[in-house]
Amino acid sequence: MENSADNNDSLKDLVEFMAKSLVDKPDNVEVDEIPGQQTTLLALKVDKDDLGKVIGKQGKTAAAMRTIIRAAGTKLNKRYHLDIVE
């Protein structure tokens, strides 16, 4: 069984992979993990020119990413929240 650090890294890596696949400037993608008491926050930072690509029309891309993170977190019995920051 993987330890919790590996699980957290894999979700952080998953967010980073998804974001880098969407943007024009993948070198500017950064994901910070902020553990909380009940929920771990994954803060996604991208170049301001790529912000629209990550959010998507009417927020659909961001919502889809959040759904994937929530589902992966459920499998790990942990709560995760994806926050897209400027």
N, C-alpha and C. Protein backbone atom coordinates (compact mmCIF):
# COMPACT_ATOMS: atom_id res chain seq x y z
N MET A 1 0.84 -1.20 0.00
CA MET A 1 0.00 0.00 0.00
C MET A 1 0.88 1.25 0.00
N GLU A 2 0.50 2.25 -0.77
CA GLU A 2 1.28 3.48 -0.85
C GLU A 2 1.09 4.30 0.42
N ASN A 3 2.14 5.04 0.77
CA ASN A 3 1.94 5.93 1.91
C ASN A 3 1.24 7.20 1.46
N SER A 4 0.75 7.99 2.41
CA SER A 4 -0.07 9.14 2.06
C SER A 4 0.70 10.19 1.27
N ALA A 5 2.01 10.30 1.47
CA ALA A 5 2.79 11.28 0.71
C ALA A 5 2.77 10.93 -0.77
N ASP A 6 2.84 9.63 -1.10
CA ASP A 6 2.78 9.22 -2.51
C ASP A 6 1.42 9.55 -3.11
N ASN A 7 0.35 9.33 -2.34
CA ASN A 7 -0.99 9.62 -2.84
C ASN A 7 -1.16 11.11 -3.10
N ASN A 8 -0.68 11.94 -2.17
CA ASN A 8 -0.80 13.38 -2.34
C ASN A 8 0.01 13.83 -3.54
N ASP A 9 1.20 13.28 -3.70
CA ASP A 9 2.03 13.64 -4.85
C ASP A 9 1.35 13.26 -6.14
N SER A 10 0.68 12.10 -6.16
CA SER A 10 0.06 11.67 -7.40
C SER A 10 -1.10 12.58 -7.79
N LEU A 11 -1.87 13.07 -6.82
CA LEU A 11 -2.96 14.00 -7.14
C LEU A 11 -2.40 15.35 -7.56
N LYS A 12 -1.36 15.79 -6.90
CA LYS A 12 -0.70 17.04 -7.27
C LYS A 12 -0.15 16.90 -8.70
N ASP A 13 0.47 15.77 -8.97
CA ASP A 13 1.00 15.50 -10.31
C ASP A 13 -0.11 15.41 -11.34
N LEU A 14 -1.25 14.85 -10.95
CA LEU A 14 -2.39 14.74 -11.86
C LEU A 14 -2.89 16.13 -12.26
N VAL A 15 -3.03 17.02 -11.29
CA VAL A 15 -3.48 18.39 -11.58
C VAL A 15 -2.47 19.08 -12.49
N GLU A 16 -1.20 18.90 -12.18
CA GLU A 16 -0.14 19.51 -12.98
C GLU A 16 -0.19 18.97 -14.42
N PHE A 17 -0.36 17.67 -14.57
CA PHE A 17 -0.42 17.06 -15.90
C PHE A 17 -1.61 17.59 -16.70
N MET A 18 -2.79 17.64 -16.06
CA MET A 18 -3.99 18.13 -16.75
C MET A 18 -3.80 19.58 -17.19
N ALA A 19 -3.28 20.41 -16.29
CA ALA A 19 -3.10 21.83 -16.60
C ALA A 19 -2.08 22.02 -17.72
N LYS A 20 -0.97 21.31 -17.65
CA LYS A 20 0.07 21.45 -18.68
C LYS A 20 -0.44 21.00 -20.05
N SER A 21 -1.38 20.06 -20.05
CA SER A 21 -1.94 19.58 -21.31
C SER A 21 -2.86 20.61 -21.95
N LEU A 22 -3.37 21.54 -21.16
CA LEU A 22 -4.34 22.53 -21.64
C LEU A 22 -3.72 23.85 -22.07
N VAL A 23 -2.61 24.23 -21.48
CA VAL A 23 -2.09 25.58 -21.65
C VAL A 23 -1.04 25.70 -22.76
N ASP A 24 -0.77 26.96 -23.15
CA ASP A 24 0.27 27.24 -24.15
C ASP A 24 1.65 27.37 -23.52
N LYS A 25 1.68 27.71 -22.23
CA LYS A 25 2.96 27.90 -21.52
C LYS A 25 3.06 26.91 -20.35
N PRO A 26 3.32 25.63 -20.64
CA PRO A 26 3.33 24.62 -19.57
C PRO A 26 4.43 24.83 -18.52
N ASP A 27 5.48 25.57 -18.88
CA ASP A 27 6.55 25.81 -17.90
C ASP A 27 6.10 26.72 -16.77
N ASN A 28 5.00 27.47 -16.99
CA ASN A 28 4.51 28.39 -15.97
C ASN A 28 3.45 27.77 -15.07
N VAL A 29 3.16 26.48 -15.24
CA VAL A 29 2.17 25.80 -14.41
C VAL A 29 2.81 25.43 -13.08
N GLU A 30 2.12 25.76 -11.99
CA GLU A 30 2.61 25.45 -10.65
C GLU A 30 1.43 24.99 -9.79
N VAL A 31 1.63 23.91 -9.05
CA VAL A 31 0.60 23.40 -8.16
C VAL A 31 1.15 23.36 -6.74
N ASP A 32 0.47 24.06 -5.84
CA ASP A 32 0.85 24.05 -4.43
C ASP A 32 -0.18 23.24 -3.66
N GLU A 33 0.32 22.43 -2.76
CA GLU A 33 -0.57 21.62 -1.93
C GLU A 33 -0.59 22.19 -0.52
N ILE A 34 -1.80 22.51 -0.05
CA ILE A 34 -1.95 23.13 1.26
C ILE A 34 -2.84 22.21 2.10
N PRO A 35 -2.22 21.39 2.96
CA PRO A 35 -3.02 20.46 3.76
C PRO A 35 -3.82 21.21 4.83
N GLY A 36 -5.05 20.77 5.01
CA GLY A 36 -5.91 21.32 6.05
C GLY A 36 -6.35 20.20 6.97
N GLN A 37 -7.17 20.54 7.95
CA GLN A 37 -7.61 19.52 8.90
C GLN A 37 -8.49 18.47 8.22
N GLN A 38 -9.44 18.91 7.41
CA GLN A 38 -10.35 17.97 6.76
C GLN A 38 -10.17 17.91 5.25
N THR A 39 -9.73 19.02 4.66
CA THR A 39 -9.63 19.10 3.20
C THR A 39 -8.25 19.60 2.80
N THR A 40 -7.67 18.96 1.79
CA THR A 40 -6.39 19.39 1.26
C THR A 40 -6.67 20.28 0.04
N LEU A 41 -6.09 21.46 0.05
CA LEU A 41 -6.28 22.41 -1.04
C LEU A 41 -5.15 22.26 -2.05
N LEU A 42 -5.51 22.11 -3.31
CA LEU A 42 -4.55 22.11 -4.39
C LEU A 42 -4.71 23.43 -5.13
N ALA A 43 -3.71 24.30 -5.02
CA ALA A 43 -3.77 25.63 -5.63
C ALA A 43 -3.02 25.58 -6.97
N LEU A 44 -3.75 25.82 -8.03
CA LEU A 44 -3.19 25.77 -9.38
C LEU A 44 -2.91 27.18 -9.87
N LYS A 45 -1.66 27.42 -10.27
CA LYS A 45 -1.27 28.72 -10.82
C LYS A 45 -0.82 28.50 -12.25
N VAL A 46 -1.35 29.31 -13.17
CA VAL A 46 -0.93 29.27 -14.57
C VAL A 46 -0.65 30.69 -15.03
N ASP A 47 -0.01 30.82 -16.19
CA ASP A 47 0.23 32.13 -16.78
C ASP A 47 -1.12 32.81 -17.01
N LYS A 48 -1.17 34.13 -16.80
CA LYS A 48 -2.46 34.83 -16.91
C LYS A 48 -3.06 34.70 -18.31
N ASP A 49 -2.23 34.53 -19.34
CA ASP A 49 -2.75 34.33 -20.70
C ASP A 49 -3.43 32.97 -20.87
N ASP A 50 -3.08 32.02 -20.01
CA ASP A 50 -3.63 30.67 -20.09
C ASP A 50 -4.80 30.44 -19.14
N LEU A 51 -5.13 31.42 -18.34
CA LEU A 51 -6.18 31.27 -17.33
C LEU A 51 -7.51 30.83 -17.96
N GLY A 52 -7.88 31.43 -19.07
CA GLY A 52 -9.13 31.08 -19.74
C GLY A 52 -9.16 29.64 -20.22
N LYS A 53 -8.03 29.11 -20.64
CA LYS A 53 -7.97 27.74 -21.11
C LYS A 53 -8.21 26.74 -19.98
N VAL A 54 -7.70 27.07 -18.80
CA VAL A 54 -7.86 26.18 -17.64
C VAL A 54 -9.28 26.26 -17.09
N ILE A 55 -9.88 27.45 -17.13
CA ILE A 55 -11.24 27.62 -16.62
C ILE A 55 -12.26 27.09 -17.63
N GLY A 56 -12.05 27.39 -18.91
CA GLY A 56 -12.95 26.90 -19.95
C GLY A 56 -14.21 27.74 -20.06
N LYS A 57 -14.97 27.46 -21.11
CA LYS A 57 -16.23 28.19 -21.32
C LYS A 57 -17.20 27.87 -20.20
N GLN A 58 -17.71 28.92 -19.59
CA GLN A 58 -18.65 28.82 -18.47
C GLN A 58 -18.10 27.96 -17.33
N GLY A 59 -16.76 27.89 -17.22
CA GLY A 59 -16.13 27.16 -16.12
C GLY A 59 -16.19 25.65 -16.25
N LYS A 60 -16.52 25.15 -17.44
CA LYS A 60 -16.70 23.70 -17.60
C LYS A 60 -15.40 22.92 -17.46
N THR A 61 -14.29 23.45 -17.95
CA THR A 61 -13.01 22.73 -17.82
C THR A 61 -12.60 22.65 -16.36
N ALA A 62 -12.71 23.77 -15.64
CA ALA A 62 -12.38 23.78 -14.21
C ALA A 62 -13.29 22.84 -13.44
N ALA A 63 -14.56 22.83 -13.77
CA ALA A 63 -15.52 21.94 -13.08
C ALA A 63 -15.15 20.48 -13.33
N ALA A 64 -14.75 20.16 -14.56
CA ALA A 64 -14.37 18.78 -14.89
C ALA A 64 -13.11 18.38 -14.11
N MET A 65 -12.14 19.29 -14.02
CA MET A 65 -10.93 19.00 -13.25
C MET A 65 -11.26 18.78 -11.78
N ARG A 66 -12.17 19.60 -11.25
CA ARG A 66 -12.56 19.45 -9.84
C ARG A 66 -13.28 18.11 -9.61
N THR A 67 -14.08 17.70 -10.57
CA THR A 67 -14.78 16.41 -10.46
C THR A 67 -13.77 15.26 -10.42
N ILE A 68 -12.77 15.32 -11.27
CA ILE A 68 -11.74 14.27 -11.29
C ILE A 68 -10.98 14.23 -9.97
N ILE A 69 -10.61 15.41 -9.45
CA ILE A 69 -9.88 15.47 -8.18
C ILE A 69 -10.74 14.95 -7.04
N ARG A 70 -12.03 15.32 -7.04
CA ARG A 70 -12.94 14.85 -6.00
C ARG A 70 -13.07 13.33 -6.05
N ALA A 71 -13.19 12.78 -7.25
CA ALA A 71 -13.33 11.33 -7.41
C ALA A 71 -12.05 10.61 -6.96
N ALA A 72 -10.91 11.15 -7.35
CA ALA A 72 -9.64 10.53 -6.94
C ALA A 72 -9.47 10.62 -5.43
N GLY A 73 -9.87 11.74 -4.84
CA GLY A 73 -9.79 11.89 -3.39
C GLY A 73 -10.70 10.93 -2.67
N THR A 74 -11.88 10.70 -3.22
CA THR A 74 -12.83 9.76 -2.62
C THR A 74 -12.22 8.36 -2.58
N LYS A 75 -11.54 8.01 -3.64
CA LYS A 75 -10.89 6.69 -3.70
C LYS A 75 -9.80 6.57 -2.63
N LEU A 76 -9.18 7.70 -2.29
CA LEU A 76 -8.13 7.72 -1.27
C LEU A 76 -8.68 8.01 0.14
N ASN A 77 -10.01 8.13 0.23
CA ASN A 77 -10.67 8.47 1.50
C ASN A 77 -10.19 9.80 2.06
N LYS A 78 -9.96 10.77 1.17
CA LYS A 78 -9.55 12.11 1.58
C LYS A 78 -10.34 13.12 0.76
N ARG A 79 -10.41 14.35 1.28
CA ARG A 79 -11.13 15.41 0.57
C ARG A 79 -10.12 16.38 -0.02
N TYR A 80 -10.32 16.69 -1.27
CA TYR A 80 -9.45 17.63 -1.97
C TYR A 80 -10.30 18.71 -2.61
N HIS A 81 -9.73 19.91 -2.67
CA HIS A 81 -10.40 21.02 -3.35
C HIS A 81 -9.38 21.66 -4.29
N LEU A 82 -9.79 21.87 -5.52
CA LEU A 82 -8.92 22.52 -6.51
C LEU A 82 -9.28 23.99 -6.59
N ASP A 83 -8.29 24.84 -6.39
CA ASP A 83 -8.46 26.29 -6.46
C ASP A 83 -7.55 26.82 -7.56
N ILE A 84 -8.11 27.58 -8.48
CA ILE A 84 -7.32 28.17 -9.56
C ILE A 84 -7.04 29.61 -9.18
N VAL A 85 -5.77 29.94 -8.98
CA VAL A 85 -5.38 31.27 -8.54
C VAL A 85 -4.64 32.02 -9.63
N GLU A 86 -4.75 33.34 -9.62
CA GLU A 86 -4.07 34.16 -10.63
C GLU A 86 -2.65 34.43 -10.25
